[in-house]
Amino acid sequence: MTDKSRGFDTLQIHGGAAPDPATGARQTPIYQSTAFVFRDAEHAAALFNLQEIGFIYSRLTNPTVSALADRINALEGGAGTICCSSGHAAQIMALFPLMGPGCNIVASTRLYGGTVTQFSQTIKRFGWSCTFVDFDDLAALEGAVDENTRAIFCESIANPGGYITDLDAVADVAKKVGLPLIVDNTSATPYLCRPIEHGATLVVNSTTKYLTGNGTVTGGAITDSGKFDWSASGKFPSLSEPEPAYHGLAFHLALGPMAFTFHSIAVGLRDLGMTMNPQGAHYTLLGIETLSLRMDKHVANARKVAEWLENDDRIDFVTYAGLPSSPYYDRVERICPKGAGALFTFGVKGGYDACVKLIDSVELFSHVANLGDARSLIIHSASTTHRQLSPEQQEAAGAAPNVVRVSIGIEDPDDIIADLDQALAKATA
């Protein structure tokens, strides 16, 4: 039986894993080693020439990290996956082989605040730029693409509001203009959404969040569909043209659907050094084993909490896409058939001051800058994660001053509701 024929619940436990050949250990060991011994000089040369797959140095590849990459790849349905040090690192790693000075990307306005800052400010230092567009306006999306655009970027379930992107429609635009579509699948995970099946070229995940699920380690992953023709347009010379550092090897010509993955290891991790540590990979491997169980509970709890909030007079609105009142409710069954996730926002009557009082009054919720934990988490995005953005950008991202973001955990839902109830009573008194 191949990985492709196995069910998700099986793959999340067995994908990328086998008993350790040296010891028989059933759980993937933590290979806490910087370097790996070569059989002989010929073996070493073959590894460095990319003629043979193996382990050289843990900045590039490591057995524990590779096991995690293989598991995520099986769950996302990709051709190849690499892991790196964080979700933000994954975004830069995804763009690195595609971009050059003067190039740009087109990204959704509905993004995590840190991503907006990374794309609007930090990437300028590489000579790259970003145009932000409302991806519900497909004509505007297509119109924002120019001769220097190299990728289209969005989130499957957008942070903070839980907005669900119409990936099929966006992928159609990307295909029409001949560009790769990069989808951040962090909030959905491959259990709720498989972006490659909707036309995504690359899928990035912050493994820090739901994939690990317990708030212990940071990490990122990039999965390549293996379906994009990097040589067709001449816009991606790092993948289509000879690479001087490898004696003129043309990655796409030589490696086909694995071109992006091997380039990201051989050039990206080699030179950027955004390496995931093996202990962190081990924690994430353990977390993924219960991913489907946790996500079902996350979704069930989120739906119950969102329904309660929507019927509370102290609340202005709730953005959860799993509510029939949501304008994005019709996308759930098509894009995220197992549920709309557990991340959403709600507006509190009383505005900014009431939001701050609510945050200071919760007892069960943890006030942290994270999401996807087993614990319920809460934050006021406008004063924290989206603080660097302009008021207009905050509004576009769904992080206005009167909005609170919640990541609903897997506790008893009645306890979650009770905590919000008592905190709202204090916040709106």
Protein backbone atom coordinates (compact mmCIF):
# COMPACT_ATOMS: atom_id res chain seq x y z
CA MET A 1 0.00 0.00 0.00
CA THR A 2 1.42 3.40 -1.00
CA ASP A 3 1.12 6.68 0.89
CA LYS A 4 -1.29 7.96 -1.77
CA SER A 5 -3.76 5.16 -1.03
CA ARG A 6 -3.70 5.54 2.74
CA GLY A 7 -6.18 7.61 4.70
CA PHE A 8 -5.31 10.88 6.43
CA ASP A 9 -5.48 9.37 9.94
CA THR A 10 -2.97 6.71 8.90
CA LEU A 11 -0.64 9.13 7.17
CA GLN A 12 -0.51 11.51 10.14
CA ILE A 13 0.97 8.65 12.20
CA HIS A 14 2.96 6.64 9.67
CA GLY A 15 3.85 9.16 6.96
CA GLY A 16 7.60 9.65 6.69
CA ALA A 17 8.27 7.22 9.53
CA ALA A 18 9.61 3.69 9.82
CA PRO A 19 11.36 1.76 12.58
CA ASP A 20 14.92 3.01 13.02
CA PRO A 21 17.11 0.66 10.96
CA ALA A 22 19.98 0.78 13.46
CA THR A 23 18.08 0.17 16.70
CA GLY A 24 14.52 -0.81 15.79
CA ALA A 25 13.17 2.21 17.67
CA ARG A 26 9.53 2.61 16.64
CA GLN A 27 9.29 6.36 17.23
CA THR A 28 11.43 8.55 14.99
CA PRO A 29 14.61 9.33 16.97
CA ILE A 30 16.03 12.80 17.49
CA TYR A 31 19.17 12.71 15.37
CA GLN A 32 21.02 15.37 17.35
CA SER A 33 24.03 15.45 15.07
CA THR A 34 25.62 18.28 13.15
CA ALA A 35 27.24 16.13 10.47
CA PHE A 36 27.06 12.64 8.99
CA VAL A 37 29.92 10.33 8.05
CA PHE A 38 30.49 9.56 4.37
CA ARG A 39 31.12 5.98 3.25
CA ASP A 40 34.11 7.13 1.19
CA ALA A 41 35.32 10.01 -0.98
CA GLU A 42 33.19 8.92 -3.94
CA HIS A 43 30.06 8.90 -1.76
CA ALA A 44 30.84 12.39 -0.47
CA ALA A 45 31.35 13.74 -4.00
CA ALA A 46 28.07 12.21 -5.19
CA LEU A 47 26.16 13.85 -2.35
CA PHE A 48 27.66 17.27 -3.00
CA ASN A 49 26.97 16.91 -6.73
CA LEU A 50 23.29 16.11 -6.01
CA GLN A 51 23.81 12.74 -7.74
CA GLU A 52 22.78 10.82 -4.64
CA ILE A 53 20.32 11.57 -1.83
CA GLY A 54 21.66 11.42 1.70
CA PHE A 55 22.76 13.41 4.72
CA ILE A 56 25.73 15.75 4.77
CA TYR A 57 25.22 18.48 7.36
CA SER A 58 22.16 19.37 9.43
CA ARG A 59 21.90 22.87 8.01
CA LEU A 60 20.83 21.12 4.80
CA THR A 61 19.15 17.88 5.82
CA ASN A 62 18.72 15.85 8.98
CA PRO A 63 16.96 12.47 9.39
CA THR A 64 14.46 13.73 11.99
CA VAL A 65 13.66 16.87 10.01
CA SER A 66 13.41 14.85 6.80
CA ALA A 67 10.90 12.49 8.43
CA LEU A 68 8.75 15.49 9.31
CA ALA A 69 9.06 16.90 5.79
CA ASP A 70 7.97 13.56 4.33
CA ARG A 71 4.97 13.40 6.66
CA ILE A 72 3.80 16.92 5.84
CA ASN A 73 4.34 16.18 2.15
CA ALA A 74 2.11 13.10 2.39
CA LEU A 75 -0.62 15.09 4.16
CA GLU A 76 -0.49 18.01 1.70
CA GLY A 77 -0.25 15.74 -1.34
CA GLY A 78 2.89 17.34 -2.73
CA ALA A 79 5.91 16.27 -4.75
CA GLY A 80 8.38 17.42 -2.11
CA THR A 81 8.56 19.35 1.17
CA ILE A 82 11.32 21.10 3.06
CA CYS A 83 11.19 22.25 6.67
CA CYS A 84 12.76 25.39 8.09
CA SER A 85 12.98 27.44 11.26
CA SER A 86 9.61 29.28 11.30
CA GLY A 87 6.53 30.16 9.28
CA HIS A 88 8.09 33.50 8.33
CA ALA A 89 11.22 31.69 7.19
CA ALA A 90 9.00 29.42 5.07
CA GLN A 91 7.56 32.45 3.28
CA ILE A 92 11.00 33.82 2.40
CA MET A 93 12.18 30.33 1.40
CA ALA A 94 9.14 29.96 -0.87
CA LEU A 95 9.89 33.26 -2.61
CA PHE A 96 13.67 32.95 -2.74
CA PRO A 97 14.01 30.80 -5.91
CA LEU A 98 11.33 32.84 -7.70
CA MET A 99 12.39 36.42 -7.08
CA GLY A 100 15.10 38.86 -8.05
CA PRO A 101 15.70 42.61 -7.67
CA GLY A 102 12.81 44.53 -9.22
CA CYS A 103 10.38 41.63 -8.99
CA ASN A 104 7.08 41.75 -7.12
CA ILE A 105 4.31 39.57 -5.75
CA VAL A 106 0.57 40.16 -5.52
CA ALA A 107 -0.86 39.26 -2.11
CA SER A 108 -4.25 39.26 -0.44
CA THR A 109 -5.11 42.12 1.90
CA ARG A 110 -6.38 39.50 4.36
CA LEU A 111 -3.12 38.29 5.88
CA TYR A 112 -1.49 37.89 9.26
CA GLY A 113 -0.11 41.28 10.33
CA GLY A 114 3.46 40.01 10.49
CA THR A 115 3.16 38.81 6.90
CA VAL A 116 1.85 42.20 5.79
CA THR A 117 4.86 43.83 7.43
CA GLN A 118 7.25 41.28 5.92
CA PHE A 119 5.82 41.84 2.44
CA SER A 120 5.30 45.60 2.64
CA GLN A 121 8.55 46.52 4.39
CA THR A 122 11.17 43.81 4.88
CA ILE A 123 11.31 42.33 1.40
CA LYS A 124 12.11 45.79 0.03
CA ARG A 125 15.63 45.19 1.34
CA PHE A 126 15.96 42.40 -1.24
CA GLY A 127 14.73 44.71 -3.98
CA TRP A 128 11.35 42.94 -4.02
CA SER A 129 7.93 44.54 -3.60
CA CYS A 130 4.32 43.55 -2.98
CA THR A 131 0.92 44.79 -4.19
CA PHE A 132 -2.00 44.04 -1.86
CA VAL A 133 -5.40 43.32 -3.38
CA ASP A 134 -8.81 42.18 -2.14
CA PHE A 135 -8.88 38.65 -3.56
CA ASP A 136 -12.68 38.70 -3.74
CA ASP A 137 -12.15 41.14 -6.63
CA LEU A 138 -10.70 38.79 -9.23
CA ALA A 139 -10.47 41.51 -11.86
CA ALA A 140 -8.39 43.64 -9.50
CA LEU A 141 -6.20 40.62 -8.75
CA GLU A 142 -5.51 40.01 -12.42
CA GLY A 143 -5.04 43.73 -13.02
CA ALA A 144 -2.38 43.97 -10.32
CA VAL A 145 -0.15 41.48 -12.13
CA ASP A 146 2.55 43.01 -14.34
CA GLU A 147 5.60 41.80 -16.25
CA ASN A 148 7.68 41.73 -13.05
CA THR A 149 5.21 39.74 -10.93
CA ARG A 150 6.55 36.36 -9.92
CA ALA A 151 3.91 34.92 -7.55
CA ILE A 152 0.42 35.28 -6.10
CA PHE A 153 0.08 34.79 -2.34
CA CYS A 154 -2.86 34.21 0.01
CA GLU A 155 -3.96 32.29 3.09
CA SER A 156 -6.48 29.44 2.88
CA ILE A 157 -8.14 30.52 6.15
CA ALA A 158 -6.94 34.06 6.75
CA ASN A 159 -5.61 35.27 10.09
CA PRO A 160 -7.19 36.98 12.00
CA GLY A 161 -10.78 36.88 10.76
CA GLY A 162 -11.11 33.29 9.59
CA TYR A 163 -11.94 34.50 6.05
CA ILE A 164 -11.87 31.60 3.57
CA THR A 165 -10.20 32.34 0.25
CA ASP A 166 -11.85 31.05 -2.92
CA LEU A 167 -8.75 29.11 -3.89
CA ASP A 168 -10.29 27.66 -7.05
CA ALA A 169 -11.05 31.12 -8.45
CA VAL A 170 -7.67 32.55 -7.43
CA ALA A 171 -5.87 29.54 -8.93
CA ASP A 172 -7.70 30.14 -12.21
CA VAL A 173 -6.31 33.69 -12.29
CA ALA A 174 -2.81 32.43 -11.45
CA LYS A 175 -3.01 29.87 -14.25
CA LYS A 176 -4.28 32.48 -16.71
CA VAL A 177 -1.34 34.81 -16.01
CA GLY A 178 1.18 31.96 -15.82
CA LEU A 179 2.28 32.48 -12.22
CA PRO A 180 2.68 30.16 -9.22
CA LEU A 181 0.05 30.44 -6.49
CA ILE A 182 1.49 30.27 -2.97
CA VAL A 183 -1.03 29.42 -0.23
CA ASP A 184 -0.36 29.73 3.50
CA ASN A 185 -2.28 26.78 4.97
CA THR A 186 -1.37 27.38 8.60
CA SER A 187 -4.85 28.13 9.97
CA ALA A 188 -6.51 25.29 8.08
CA THR A 189 -3.81 22.58 8.10
CA PRO A 190 -3.97 19.86 5.44
CA TYR A 191 -6.74 18.19 7.45
CA LEU A 192 -9.24 20.96 6.71
CA CYS A 193 -7.87 22.16 3.35
CA ARG A 194 -5.59 20.72 0.67
CA PRO A 195 -4.60 23.76 -1.41
CA ILE A 196 -2.78 21.74 -4.07
CA GLU A 197 -6.09 20.08 -4.97
CA HIS A 198 -7.47 23.60 -5.59
CA GLY A 199 -4.62 24.66 -7.88
CA ALA A 200 -1.90 25.88 -5.50
CA THR A 201 1.70 25.58 -6.67
CA LEU A 202 3.36 25.96 -3.27
CA VAL A 203 1.90 25.51 0.21
CA VAL A 204 3.55 27.07 3.25
CA ASN A 205 2.78 26.15 6.84
CA SER A 206 3.85 27.54 10.15
CA THR A 207 4.32 24.22 11.93
CA THR A 208 4.41 26.25 15.15
CA LYS A 209 0.61 26.35 15.13
CA TYR A 210 -1.91 23.52 14.70
CA LEU A 211 0.53 20.99 13.23
CA THR A 212 2.50 20.89 16.49
CA GLY A 213 -0.55 21.94 18.47
CA ASN A 214 0.94 22.52 21.90
CA GLY A 215 2.82 25.81 21.76
CA THR A 216 6.28 24.34 22.29
CA VAL A 217 8.42 24.91 19.17
CA THR A 218 8.60 27.13 16.11
CA GLY A 219 8.96 25.80 12.59
CA GLY A 220 7.90 26.16 8.98
CA ALA A 221 7.40 24.01 5.90
CA ILE A 222 7.12 24.55 2.15
CA THR A 223 5.42 21.92 0.02
CA ASP A 224 5.75 21.98 -3.77
CA SER A 225 2.99 20.51 -5.91
CA GLY A 226 5.55 19.56 -8.55
CA LYS A 227 3.09 20.67 -11.23
CA PHE A 228 4.35 24.12 -12.26
CA ASP A 229 6.47 24.49 -15.39
CA TRP A 230 9.36 26.63 -14.14
CA SER A 231 10.94 26.76 -17.64
CA ALA A 232 7.95 27.90 -19.70
CA SER A 233 8.17 31.67 -19.28
CA GLY A 234 11.82 32.39 -18.61
CA LYS A 235 10.79 34.26 -15.45
CA PHE A 236 12.38 31.78 -13.02
CA PRO A 237 16.05 31.49 -14.01
CA SER A 238 17.12 30.13 -10.63
CA LEU A 239 15.18 26.98 -11.47
CA SER A 240 15.34 26.92 -15.26
CA GLU A 241 18.85 28.20 -16.03
CA PRO A 242 22.27 26.68 -15.23
CA GLU A 243 23.32 27.14 -11.59
CA PRO A 244 26.98 28.22 -11.37
CA ALA A 245 27.42 26.73 -7.90
CA TYR A 246 26.58 23.26 -9.26
CA HIS A 247 28.67 23.22 -12.45
CA GLY A 248 25.84 24.54 -14.57
CA LEU A 249 23.11 22.19 -13.34
CA ALA A 250 19.67 23.37 -14.49
CA PHE A 251 17.42 22.26 -11.64
CA HIS A 252 14.14 22.02 -13.56
CA LEU A 253 15.66 20.28 -16.56
CA ALA A 254 17.52 17.78 -14.39
CA LEU A 255 15.06 17.21 -11.56
CA GLY A 256 11.62 17.93 -13.02
CA PRO A 257 8.91 18.00 -10.34
CA MET A 258 11.55 17.94 -7.58
CA ALA A 259 13.38 21.02 -8.88
CA PHE A 260 11.98 23.48 -6.34
CA THR A 261 12.55 21.12 -3.40
CA PHE A 262 16.15 20.34 -4.28
CA HIS A 263 16.94 23.98 -5.04
CA SER A 264 15.51 24.99 -1.66
CA ILE A 265 17.81 22.54 0.08
CA ALA A 266 20.94 22.87 -2.05
CA VAL A 267 20.80 26.66 -2.40
CA GLY A 268 18.14 28.03 -0.04
CA LEU A 269 19.05 26.22 3.18
CA ARG A 270 22.73 26.17 2.24
CA ASP A 271 22.94 29.95 1.92
CA LEU A 272 20.06 31.33 4.01
CA GLY A 273 20.55 28.85 6.84
CA MET A 274 16.92 28.94 8.03
CA THR A 275 17.29 25.47 9.50
CA MET A 276 14.79 23.57 11.65
CA ASN A 277 16.39 21.85 14.62
CA PRO A 278 15.83 18.09 15.01
CA GLN A 279 14.31 18.37 18.49
CA GLY A 280 11.74 20.83 17.19
CA ALA A 281 10.96 18.46 14.31
CA HIS A 282 10.45 15.65 16.83
CA TYR A 283 7.89 17.68 18.79
CA THR A 284 6.00 18.44 15.58
CA LEU A 285 6.06 14.79 14.49
CA LEU A 286 4.44 13.89 17.82
CA GLY A 287 1.86 16.67 17.45
CA ILE A 288 0.82 15.67 13.95
CA GLU A 289 -0.06 12.16 15.17
CA THR A 290 -3.24 13.61 16.73
CA LEU A 291 -3.92 16.36 14.18
CA SER A 292 -7.29 15.11 12.90
CA LEU A 293 -8.56 14.42 16.41
CA ARG A 294 -7.60 17.88 17.58
CA MET A 295 -8.91 19.69 14.52
CA ASP A 296 -12.33 18.02 14.80
CA LYS A 297 -12.52 19.22 18.41
CA HIS A 298 -11.22 22.69 17.53
CA VAL A 299 -13.87 23.07 14.84
CA ALA A 300 -16.73 21.77 17.00
CA ASN A 301 -15.78 24.10 19.85
CA ALA A 302 -15.32 27.10 17.54
CA ARG A 303 -18.73 26.60 16.00
CA LYS A 304 -20.42 26.43 19.41
CA VAL A 305 -18.58 29.48 20.76
CA ALA A 306 -19.24 31.50 17.58
CA GLU A 307 -22.95 30.69 17.70
CA TRP A 308 -23.10 31.83 21.34
CA LEU A 309 -21.25 35.06 20.59
CA GLU A 310 -23.44 35.84 17.59
CA ASN A 311 -26.53 35.76 19.82
CA ASP A 312 -25.02 37.92 22.58
CA ASP A 313 -26.18 41.56 22.77
CA ARG A 314 -22.71 42.72 23.81
CA ILE A 315 -21.22 41.63 20.48
CA ASP A 316 -21.41 43.64 17.25
CA PHE A 317 -20.46 40.85 14.84
CA VAL A 318 -18.69 37.50 14.54
CA THR A 319 -16.54 36.64 11.51
CA TYR A 320 -16.56 32.83 11.79
CA ALA A 321 -17.08 31.40 8.29
CA GLY A 322 -18.81 28.35 9.75
CA LEU A 323 -21.87 30.44 10.66
CA PRO A 324 -24.72 30.46 8.10
CA SER A 325 -24.74 34.26 8.40
CA SER A 326 -21.16 34.52 7.10
CA PRO A 327 -20.77 35.77 3.51
CA TYR A 328 -18.14 33.03 3.12
CA TYR A 329 -20.28 30.18 4.45
CA ASP A 330 -20.79 28.75 0.95
CA ARG A 331 -17.02 28.33 0.56
CA VAL A 332 -16.64 26.09 3.60
CA GLU A 333 -17.99 22.89 2.03
CA ARG A 334 -15.95 23.44 -1.15
CA ILE A 335 -12.63 24.72 0.25
CA CYS A 336 -12.62 23.38 3.82
CA PRO A 337 -15.12 20.49 3.81
CA LYS A 338 -14.22 19.29 7.31
CA GLY A 339 -14.84 22.66 8.93
CA ALA A 340 -14.06 26.36 8.94
CA GLY A 341 -11.22 26.14 11.44
CA ALA A 342 -11.05 27.58 14.93
CA LEU A 343 -9.70 31.08 14.31
CA PHE A 344 -12.03 34.07 14.07
CA THR A 345 -12.71 37.55 15.37
CA PHE A 346 -15.62 39.35 16.96
CA GLY A 347 -16.46 43.00 17.47
CA VAL A 348 -17.13 44.16 21.02
CA LYS A 349 -19.61 46.95 21.72
CA GLY A 350 -17.65 49.67 23.44
CA GLY A 351 -14.79 49.59 20.95
CA TYR A 352 -11.10 49.68 21.79
CA ASP A 353 -11.50 50.22 25.55
CA ALA A 354 -13.96 47.36 25.90
CA CYS A 355 -11.62 45.05 23.97
CA VAL A 356 -8.73 45.87 26.29
CA LYS A 357 -10.91 45.26 29.37
CA LEU A 358 -12.06 41.96 27.92
CA ILE A 359 -8.49 40.84 27.32
CA ASP A 360 -7.54 41.77 30.90
CA SER A 361 -10.56 39.94 32.35
CA VAL A 362 -10.32 36.46 30.82
CA GLU A 363 -9.21 33.63 33.09
CA LEU A 364 -9.26 30.43 31.03
CA PHE A 365 -8.06 32.07 27.80
CA SER A 366 -4.35 32.79 27.46
CA HIS A 367 -3.40 36.25 26.20
CA VAL A 368 -0.57 35.36 23.81
CA ALA A 369 0.65 36.16 20.29
CA ASN A 370 0.05 32.68 18.94
CA LEU A 371 -2.72 30.52 17.53
CA GLY A 372 -3.36 26.84 16.99
CA ASP A 373 -2.62 25.78 20.56
CA ALA A 374 -4.66 23.13 22.41
CA ARG A 375 -5.47 26.01 24.78
CA SER A 376 -7.90 28.79 23.90
CA LEU A 377 -5.99 31.95 23.04
CA ILE A 378 -7.07 35.58 22.75
CA ILE A 379 -5.46 38.79 21.55
CA HIS A 380 -6.36 42.32 20.49
CA SER A 381 -4.78 42.39 17.04
CA ALA A 382 -4.90 46.17 16.48
CA SER A 383 -2.63 46.82 19.46
CA THR A 384 -0.34 43.81 18.97
CA THR A 385 0.06 41.60 15.89
CA HIS A 386 -1.30 44.27 13.51
CA ARG A 387 -0.02 47.29 15.45
CA GLN A 388 2.52 48.27 12.77
CA LEU A 389 -0.19 48.61 10.13
CA SER A 390 -2.05 51.77 9.17
CA PRO A 391 -5.72 52.07 10.22
CA GLU A 392 -6.69 51.34 6.61
CA GLN A 393 -4.52 48.23 6.53
CA GLN A 394 -5.95 47.09 9.87
CA GLU A 395 -9.49 47.42 8.54
CA ALA A 396 -8.59 45.56 5.33
CA ALA A 397 -6.95 42.76 7.31
CA GLY A 398 -9.95 42.42 9.65
CA ALA A 399 -8.09 43.76 12.66
CA ALA A 400 -9.93 47.01 13.45
CA PRO A 401 -9.63 48.57 16.95
CA ASN A 402 -12.98 47.12 18.10
CA VAL A 403 -12.02 43.55 17.14
CA VAL A 404 -10.74 40.70 19.29
CA ARG A 405 -9.17 37.57 17.79
CA VAL A 406 -9.70 34.16 19.35
CA SER A 407 -8.12 30.79 18.63
CA ILE A 408 -10.53 28.32 20.18
CA GLY A 409 -8.87 25.40 21.96
CA ILE A 410 -9.98 21.90 22.80
CA GLU A 411 -11.20 22.50 26.36
CA ASP A 412 -14.82 21.92 27.40
CA PRO A 413 -16.76 24.40 25.24
CA ASP A 414 -19.05 25.37 28.12
CA ASP A 415 -15.99 26.48 30.09
CA ILE A 416 -14.76 28.55 27.16
CA ILE A 417 -18.15 30.26 26.87
CA ALA A 418 -18.35 30.85 30.62
CA ASP A 419 -14.98 32.59 30.58
CA LEU A 420 -16.00 34.87 27.71
CA ASP A 421 -19.30 35.58 29.45
CA GLN A 422 -17.73 36.76 32.69
CA ALA A 423 -15.05 38.77 30.85
CA LEU A 424 -17.64 40.47 28.62
CA ALA A 425 -19.68 41.37 31.69
CA LYS A 426 -16.68 43.25 33.10
CA ALA A 427 -15.68 44.74 29.75
CA THR A 428 -19.09 46.19 28.93
CA ALA A 429 -20.30 47.10 32.43
